[in-house]
Amino acid sequence: MRFLGMLLVVVAVMIPAVMTALSQEAPPGVSTNNDDEKKAEEPKKLENPAMSLKEAENWVKSIDIIVAESMPPQFFLEMKVTMPTPGWKLKVDEVGKPDADGRIKVKVTGTRPEGMVAQVLTDETFNVPVGSIEAGSYMIEVWYRGGENEEYARKSVHMLSVASK
């Protein structure tokens, strides 16, 4: 009974404090459900670039896995990408070894066609020699640059699972 009495005292002391807090103006984006407030403000977008979210575009349209008949097996990834005009030459500059997290970085350079060409979306194919890798899951990061003097930018990320026999 003594506990119940103490609980009632605590509640009686807390109610005026809670009512006072509710009657004060709430921070932006928080609704207080007051009758005079018809709708809550919309939350503000984050302005901190370190906390932004960018949806990845899928530059690589399709990937086929090619297994060379060798021991140990050698893997190649045949990648198909869409280019803005016909005649682009795609060259694989570097294929990294899997890092501790299973990422394999592939660097590709595109060379524009010479002269005038029709602007027609065209599929181009290139082969990535992955080599021999152990069974496991890998993340293939494709980094692309549109010329020798440009910086690489990550264009797509793909998952690759290699199972043992």
C-alpha atoms as a PDB file:
ATOM      1  CA  MET A   1       0.000   0.000   0.000  1.00  0.00           C
ATOM      2  CA  ARG A   2       2.876   2.293   0.836  1.00  0.00           C
ATOM      3  CA  PHE A   3       4.293   1.707  -2.686  1.00  0.00           C
ATOM      4  CA  LEU A   4       0.965   2.625  -4.309  1.00  0.00           C
ATOM      5  CA  GLY A   5       0.843   5.858  -2.328  1.00  0.00           C
ATOM      6  CA  MET A   6       4.365   6.810  -3.454  1.00  0.00           C
ATOM      7  CA  LEU A   7       3.424   6.018  -7.052  1.00  0.00           C
ATOM      8  CA  LEU A   8       0.401   8.329  -6.846  1.00  0.00           C
ATOM      9  CA  VAL A   9       2.586  11.133  -5.447  1.00  0.00           C
ATOM     10  CA  VAL A  10       5.107  10.702  -8.295  1.00  0.00           C
ATOM     11  CA  VAL A  11       2.329  10.726 -10.898  1.00  0.00           C
ATOM     12  CA  ALA A  12       0.702  13.782  -9.302  1.00  0.00           C
ATOM     13  CA  VAL A  13       4.025  15.651  -9.380  1.00  0.00           C
ATOM     14  CA  MET A  14       4.806  14.587 -12.974  1.00  0.00           C
ATOM     15  CA  ILE A  15       1.436  15.479 -14.562  1.00  0.00           C
ATOM     16  CA  PRO A  16       1.833  19.299 -14.282  1.00  0.00           C
ATOM     17  CA  ALA A  17       5.405  19.078 -15.658  1.00  0.00           C
ATOM     18  CA  VAL A  18       4.290  16.941 -18.605  1.00  0.00           C
ATOM     19  CA  MET A  19       1.335  19.244 -19.335  1.00  0.00           C
ATOM     20  CA  THR A  20       3.637  22.291 -19.291  1.00  0.00           C
ATOM     21  CA  ALA A  21       6.089  20.575 -21.662  1.00  0.00           C
ATOM     22  CA  LEU A  22       3.282  19.643 -24.056  1.00  0.00           C
ATOM     23  CA  SER A  23       1.934  23.169 -24.172  1.00  0.00           C
ATOM     24  CA  GLN A  24       5.303  24.575 -25.272  1.00  0.00           C
ATOM     25  CA  GLU A  25       6.239  24.792 -28.942  1.00  0.00           C
ATOM     26  CA  ALA A  26       7.675  21.567 -30.307  1.00  0.00           C
ATOM     27  CA  PRO A  27      10.820  21.412 -32.451  1.00  0.00           C
ATOM     28  CA  PRO A  28      10.371  21.617 -36.261  1.00  0.00           C
ATOM     29  CA  GLY A  29       9.053  18.427 -37.819  1.00  0.00           C
ATOM     30  CA  VAL A  30       7.426  17.194 -34.578  1.00  0.00           C
ATOM     31  CA  SER A  31       3.651  17.231 -34.219  1.00  0.00           C
ATOM     32  CA  THR A  32       2.158  18.103 -30.807  1.00  0.00           C
ATOM     33  CA  ASN A  33      -1.422  17.230 -31.825  1.00  0.00           C
ATOM     34  CA  ASN A  34      -2.624  20.650 -30.640  1.00  0.00           C
ATOM     35  CA  ASP A  35      -6.044  21.698 -32.003  1.00  0.00           C
ATOM     36  CA  ASP A  36      -4.613  24.930 -33.409  1.00  0.00           C
ATOM     37  CA  GLU A  37      -1.930  23.068 -35.367  1.00  0.00           C
ATOM     38  CA  LYS A  38      -3.505  21.565 -38.491  1.00  0.00           C
ATOM     39  CA  LYS A  39      -0.533  19.661 -39.881  1.00  0.00           C
ATOM     40  CA  ALA A  40       3.021  18.861 -38.890  1.00  0.00           C
ATOM     41  CA  GLU A  41       5.938  20.347 -40.758  1.00  0.00           C
ATOM     42  CA  GLU A  42       7.662  17.998 -43.157  1.00  0.00           C
ATOM     43  CA  PRO A  43      11.056  16.728 -41.992  1.00  0.00           C
ATOM     44  CA  LYS A  44      13.975  18.642 -43.397  1.00  0.00           C
ATOM     45  CA  LYS A  45      16.396  16.947 -45.758  1.00  0.00           C
ATOM     46  CA  LEU A  46      19.893  16.264 -44.482  1.00  0.00           C
ATOM     47  CA  GLU A  47      22.340  18.868 -45.650  1.00  0.00           C
ATOM     48  CA  ASN A  48      25.428  16.972 -44.533  1.00  0.00           C
ATOM     49  CA  PRO A  49      27.062  15.423 -47.641  1.00  0.00           C
ATOM     50  CA  ALA A  50      28.628  12.710 -45.479  1.00  0.00           C
ATOM     51  CA  MET A  51      25.134  11.445 -44.736  1.00  0.00           C
ATOM     52  CA  SER A  52      23.658  11.532 -48.233  1.00  0.00           C
ATOM     53  CA  LEU A  53      22.337   8.489 -50.043  1.00  0.00           C
ATOM     54  CA  LYS A  54      22.832   7.895 -53.747  1.00  0.00           C
ATOM     55  CA  GLU A  55      21.087   5.118 -55.617  1.00  0.00           C
ATOM     56  CA  ALA A  56      23.484   3.137 -57.770  1.00  0.00           C
ATOM     57  CA  GLU A  57      22.865   3.036 -61.490  1.00  0.00           C
ATOM     58  CA  ASN A  58      23.288  -0.271 -63.260  1.00  0.00           C
ATOM     59  CA  TRP A  59      25.862   0.459 -65.955  1.00  0.00           C
ATOM     60  CA  VAL A  60      26.567  -3.210 -66.668  1.00  0.00           C
ATOM     61  CA  LYS A  61      23.471  -4.673 -68.378  1.00  0.00           C
ATOM     62  CA  SER A  62      24.465  -8.312 -68.074  1.00  0.00           C
ATOM     63  CA  ILE A  63      27.283 -10.537 -66.896  1.00  0.00           C
ATOM     64  CA  ASP A  64      28.037 -14.032 -68.112  1.00  0.00           C
ATOM     65  CA  ILE A  65      30.525 -16.226 -66.270  1.00  0.00           C
ATOM     66  CA  ILE A  66      32.914 -18.104 -68.501  1.00  0.00           C
ATOM     67  CA  VAL A  67      34.936 -20.952 -67.015  1.00  0.00           C
ATOM     68  CA  ALA A  68      38.038 -21.923 -68.961  1.00  0.00           C
ATOM     69  CA  GLU A  69      38.786 -25.632 -69.152  1.00  0.00           C
ATOM     70  CA  SER A  70      41.967 -25.608 -67.115  1.00  0.00           C
ATOM     71  CA  MET A  71      43.227 -26.748 -63.749  1.00  0.00           C
ATOM     72  CA  PRO A  72      42.695 -24.847 -61.584  1.00  0.00           C
ATOM     73  CA  PRO A  73      39.653 -23.314 -63.325  1.00  0.00           C
ATOM     74  CA  GLN A  74      40.137 -19.781 -64.665  1.00  0.00           C
ATOM     75  CA  PHE A  75      37.145 -17.434 -64.549  1.00  0.00           C
ATOM     76  CA  PHE A  76      36.245 -14.676 -67.010  1.00  0.00           C
ATOM     77  CA  LEU A  77      33.321 -12.290 -66.729  1.00  0.00           C
ATOM     78  CA  GLU A  78      31.786 -11.252 -70.032  1.00  0.00           C
ATOM     79  CA  MET A  79      30.162  -7.882 -69.356  1.00  0.00           C
ATOM     80  CA  LYS A  80      27.713  -6.083 -71.618  1.00  0.00           C
ATOM     81  CA  VAL A  81      27.328  -2.313 -71.198  1.00  0.00           C
ATOM     82  CA  THR A  82      25.368   0.358 -73.049  1.00  0.00           C
ATOM     83  CA  MET A  83      27.437   3.120 -74.653  1.00  0.00           C
ATOM     84  CA  PRO A  84      26.097   6.413 -76.110  1.00  0.00           C
ATOM     85  CA  THR A  85      27.351   5.764 -79.663  1.00  0.00           C
ATOM     86  CA  PRO A  86      28.694   2.829 -81.676  1.00  0.00           C
ATOM     87  CA  GLY A  87      32.437   2.313 -81.982  1.00  0.00           C
ATOM     88  CA  TRP A  88      33.565   2.688 -78.369  1.00  0.00           C
ATOM     89  CA  LYS A  89      36.580   0.542 -77.451  1.00  0.00           C
ATOM     90  CA  LEU A  90      36.586  -0.801 -73.902  1.00  0.00           C
ATOM     91  CA  LYS A  91      39.860  -1.952 -72.362  1.00  0.00           C
ATOM     92  CA  VAL A  92      40.294  -3.629 -68.979  1.00  0.00           C
ATOM     93  CA  ASP A  93      43.186  -1.791 -67.304  1.00  0.00           C
ATOM     94  CA  GLU A  94      43.348  -3.693 -64.051  1.00  0.00           C
ATOM     95  CA  VAL A  95      41.681  -6.563 -62.193  1.00  0.00           C
ATOM     96  CA  GLY A  96      42.506  -6.538 -58.492  1.00  0.00           C
ATOM     97  CA  LYS A  97      42.840  -9.569 -56.290  1.00  0.00           C
ATOM     98  CA  PRO A  98      40.014 -10.121 -53.771  1.00  0.00           C
ATOM     99  CA  ASP A  99      40.584  -8.046 -50.630  1.00  0.00           C
ATOM    100  CA  ALA A 100      39.741  -9.160 -47.073  1.00  0.00           C
ATOM    101  CA  ASP A 101      36.061  -8.248 -47.623  1.00  0.00           C
ATOM    102  CA  GLY A 102      35.829 -10.172 -50.917  1.00  0.00           C
ATOM    103  CA  ARG A 103      35.855  -7.081 -53.169  1.00  0.00           C
ATOM    104  CA  ILE A 104      37.406  -7.357 -56.615  1.00  0.00           C
ATOM    105  CA  LYS A 105      38.023  -3.990 -58.255  1.00  0.00           C
ATOM    106  CA  VAL A 106      37.902  -3.920 -62.075  1.00  0.00           C
ATOM    107  CA  LYS A 107      39.169  -0.781 -63.848  1.00  0.00           C
ATOM    108  CA  VAL A 108      38.005  -0.136 -67.418  1.00  0.00           C
ATOM    109  CA  THR A 109      38.856   2.662 -69.863  1.00  0.00           C
ATOM    110  CA  GLY A 110      36.608   3.611 -72.754  1.00  0.00           C
ATOM    111  CA  THR A 111      37.980   5.193 -75.923  1.00  0.00           C
ATOM    112  CA  ARG A 112      35.632   7.305 -78.046  1.00  0.00           C
ATOM    113  CA  PRO A 113      35.201   6.491 -81.724  1.00  0.00           C
ATOM    114  CA  GLU A 114      37.058   8.757 -84.136  1.00  0.00           C
ATOM    115  CA  GLY A 115      35.119  11.063 -86.420  1.00  0.00           C
ATOM    116  CA  MET A 116      31.408  11.626 -86.495  1.00  0.00           C
ATOM    117  CA  VAL A 117      29.085   8.794 -85.525  1.00  0.00           C
ATOM    118  CA  ALA A 118      25.336   8.531 -85.037  1.00  0.00           C
ATOM    119  CA  GLN A 119      24.204   8.972 -81.465  1.00  0.00           C
ATOM    120  CA  VAL A 120      22.574   5.597 -80.974  1.00  0.00           C
ATOM    121  CA  LEU A 121      22.672   3.607 -77.737  1.00  0.00           C
ATOM    122  CA  THR A 122      24.821   0.584 -78.497  1.00  0.00           C
ATOM    123  CA  ASP A 123      25.700  -2.489 -76.453  1.00  0.00           C
ATOM    124  CA  GLU A 124      29.414  -3.197 -76.157  1.00  0.00           C
ATOM    125  CA  THR A 125      30.947  -6.331 -74.641  1.00  0.00           C
ATOM    126  CA  PHE A 126      34.265  -6.808 -72.861  1.00  0.00           C
ATOM    127  CA  ASN A 127      35.870  -9.712 -70.967  1.00  0.00           C
ATOM    128  CA  VAL A 128      37.305  -9.411 -67.471  1.00  0.00           C
ATOM    129  CA  PRO A 129      39.934 -12.042 -66.610  1.00  0.00           C
ATOM    130  CA  VAL A 130      39.255 -12.795 -62.940  1.00  0.00           C
ATOM    131  CA  GLY A 131      41.626 -15.758 -62.876  1.00  0.00           C
ATOM    132  CA  SER A 132      41.481 -18.532 -60.339  1.00  0.00           C
ATOM    133  CA  ILE A 133      39.603 -17.714 -57.155  1.00  0.00           C
ATOM    134  CA  GLU A 134      38.551 -19.796 -54.171  1.00  0.00           C
ATOM    135  CA  ALA A 135      34.953 -20.753 -53.415  1.00  0.00           C
ATOM    136  CA  GLY A 136      33.080 -17.930 -51.690  1.00  0.00           C
ATOM    137  CA  SER A 137      31.121 -14.744 -52.267  1.00  0.00           C
ATOM    138  CA  TYR A 138      32.695 -11.767 -54.003  1.00  0.00           C
ATOM    139  CA  MET A 139      31.643  -8.225 -54.793  1.00  0.00           C
ATOM    140  CA  ILE A 140      32.766  -7.100 -58.254  1.00  0.00           C
ATOM    141  CA  GLU A 141      33.215  -3.304 -58.412  1.00  0.00           C
ATOM    142  CA  VAL A 142      33.447  -1.936 -61.960  1.00  0.00           C
ATOM    143  CA  TRP A 143      35.311   1.393 -62.146  1.00  0.00           C
ATOM    144  CA  TYR A 144      35.196   3.276 -65.460  1.00  0.00           C
ATOM    145  CA  ARG A 145      36.857   6.279 -67.042  1.00  0.00           C
ATOM    146  CA  GLY A 146      35.950   7.766 -70.418  1.00  0.00           C
ATOM    147  CA  GLY A 147      39.526   8.432 -71.538  1.00  0.00           C
ATOM    148  CA  GLU A 148      43.153   8.127 -70.465  1.00  0.00           C
ATOM    149  CA  ASN A 149      43.170  11.559 -68.788  1.00  0.00           C
ATOM    150  CA  GLU A 150      40.014  11.097 -66.724  1.00  0.00           C
ATOM    151  CA  GLU A 151      39.608   9.755 -63.184  1.00  0.00           C
ATOM    152  CA  TYR A 152      37.992   6.381 -62.534  1.00  0.00           C
ATOM    153  CA  ALA A 153      34.477   6.411 -61.079  1.00  0.00           C
ATOM    154  CA  ARG A 154      32.622   3.403 -59.731  1.00  0.00           C
ATOM    155  CA  LYS A 155      29.867   2.529 -62.213  1.00  0.00           C
ATOM    156  CA  SER A 156      28.376  -0.679 -60.837  1.00  0.00           C
ATOM    157  CA  VAL A 157      28.669  -3.365 -58.189  1.00  0.00           C
ATOM    158  CA  HIS A 158      27.750  -7.017 -58.683  1.00  0.00           C
ATOM    159  CA  MET A 159      27.756 -10.104 -56.482  1.00  0.00           C
ATOM    160  CA  LEU A 160      29.542 -13.262 -57.581  1.00  0.00           C
ATOM    161  CA  SER A 161      29.240 -16.605 -55.769  1.00  0.00           C
ATOM    162  CA  VAL A 162      31.755 -19.330 -56.524  1.00  0.00           C
ATOM    163  CA  ALA A 163      30.870 -22.802 -55.259  1.00  0.00           C
ATOM    164  CA  SER A 164      33.256 -25.691 -54.881  1.00  0.00           C
ATOM    165  CA  LYS A 165      32.430 -29.038 -56.471  1.00  0.00           C
END
